[in-house]
Protein backbone atom coordinates (compact mmCIF):
# COMPACT_ATOMS: atom_id res chain seq x y z
CA UNK A 1 0.04 0.06 -0.09
CA UNK A 2 1.17 3.55 -0.91
CA UNK A 3 1.73 5.97 1.67
CA UNK A 4 1.32 9.78 0.93
CA UNK A 5 4.53 11.44 0.44
CA UNK A 6 4.47 15.06 0.67
CA UNK A 7 8.08 15.29 -1.14
CA UNK A 8 6.77 13.79 -4.24
CA UNK A 9 7.48 15.83 -7.30
CA UNK A 10 6.09 14.72 -10.91
CA UNK A 11 8.56 14.00 -13.53
CA UNK A 12 8.65 16.06 -16.59
CA UNK A 13 6.56 13.51 -18.67
CA UNK A 14 3.71 13.45 -15.89
CA UNK A 15 3.65 17.36 -15.76
CA UNK A 16 3.15 17.12 -19.67
CA UNK A 17 0.37 14.78 -19.28
CA UNK A 18 -1.31 16.93 -16.75
CA UNK A 19 -0.86 20.11 -18.95
CA UNK A 20 -2.24 17.97 -21.94
CA UNK A 21 -5.14 16.86 -19.91
CA UNK A 22 -5.92 20.47 -18.80
CA UNK A 23 -5.93 21.72 -22.53
CA UNK A 24 -8.12 18.84 -23.54
CA UNK A 25 -10.79 19.82 -20.55
CA UNK A 26 -10.86 23.30 -21.93
CA UNK A 27 -11.38 22.09 -25.49
CA UNK A 28 -14.45 19.90 -24.27
CA UNK A 29 -15.86 22.97 -22.35
CA UNK A 30 -15.64 24.86 -25.46
CA UNK A 31 -17.57 22.12 -27.43
CA UNK A 32 -20.18 22.17 -24.71
CA UNK A 33 -20.54 25.90 -24.92
CA UNK A 34 -21.07 25.76 -28.48
CA UNK A 35 -23.98 23.11 -28.42
CA UNK A 36 -22.19 19.86 -28.49
CA UNK A 37 -23.28 17.06 -26.13
CA UNK A 38 -21.24 14.23 -24.81
CA UNK A 39 -23.52 11.25 -25.14
CA UNK A 40 -23.87 7.32 -25.42
CA UNK A 41 -27.54 7.56 -26.78
CA UNK A 42 -26.49 6.50 -30.05
CA UNK A 43 -27.07 3.04 -31.95
CA UNK A 44 -23.64 1.84 -30.83
CA UNK A 45 -23.72 3.04 -27.29
CA UNK A 46 -20.45 4.52 -27.39
CA UNK A 47 -19.53 7.59 -25.51
CA UNK A 48 -19.72 10.43 -28.56
CA UNK A 49 -19.96 14.05 -29.19
CA UNK A 50 -23.26 15.05 -30.87
CA UNK A 51 -24.52 18.52 -32.29
CA UNK A 52 -27.18 19.23 -35.04
CA UNK A 53 -25.68 21.28 -37.72
CA UNK A 54 -27.87 22.61 -40.60
CA UNK A 55 -30.53 20.16 -39.61
CA UNK A 56 -28.47 17.21 -39.52
CA UNK A 57 -27.24 15.27 -36.30
CA UNK A 58 -23.60 14.58 -36.35
CA UNK A 59 -22.38 11.85 -33.91
CA UNK A 60 -18.51 11.92 -33.89
CA UNK A 61 -15.52 11.06 -31.96
CA UNK A 62 -13.71 13.58 -29.91
CA UNK A 63 -11.06 14.62 -32.48
CA UNK A 64 -13.71 15.02 -35.26
CA UNK A 65 -15.84 17.18 -32.91
CA UNK A 66 -12.81 19.40 -32.25
CA UNK A 67 -12.27 19.51 -35.93
CA UNK A 68 -15.85 20.50 -36.86
CA UNK A 69 -15.86 23.19 -34.06
CA UNK A 70 -12.38 24.71 -35.18
CA UNK A 71 -14.01 25.03 -38.68
CA UNK A 72 -17.10 26.68 -37.38
CA UNK A 73 -15.20 29.05 -35.29
CA UNK A 74 -12.94 29.92 -38.30
CA UNK A 75 -16.24 30.73 -40.24
CA UNK A 76 -17.42 33.04 -37.32
CA UNK A 77 -14.18 34.87 -37.36
CA UNK A 78 -14.24 35.49 -41.01
CA UNK A 79 -17.74 36.75 -40.81
CA UNK A 80 -16.78 39.20 -38.28
CA UNK A 81 -13.76 40.57 -40.28
CA UNK A 82 -14.17 43.51 -42.75
């Protein structure tokens, strides 16, 4: 059994893993704020992201949801530029 070690310091790779998870958490929150839903209510019962876009329901994996949202964000930016 492990005991708590107050002197424990994460290795550089562990720190990078933590930073990467923090970035992914921020990306997931951005998806939620833009109408994406994390759900397993699809025919395969896998946990996937879903969003209705132009009347069509997309049920996709996380990296694809990130790509879709990135494209949508880019279009919004282009619309606001003179």
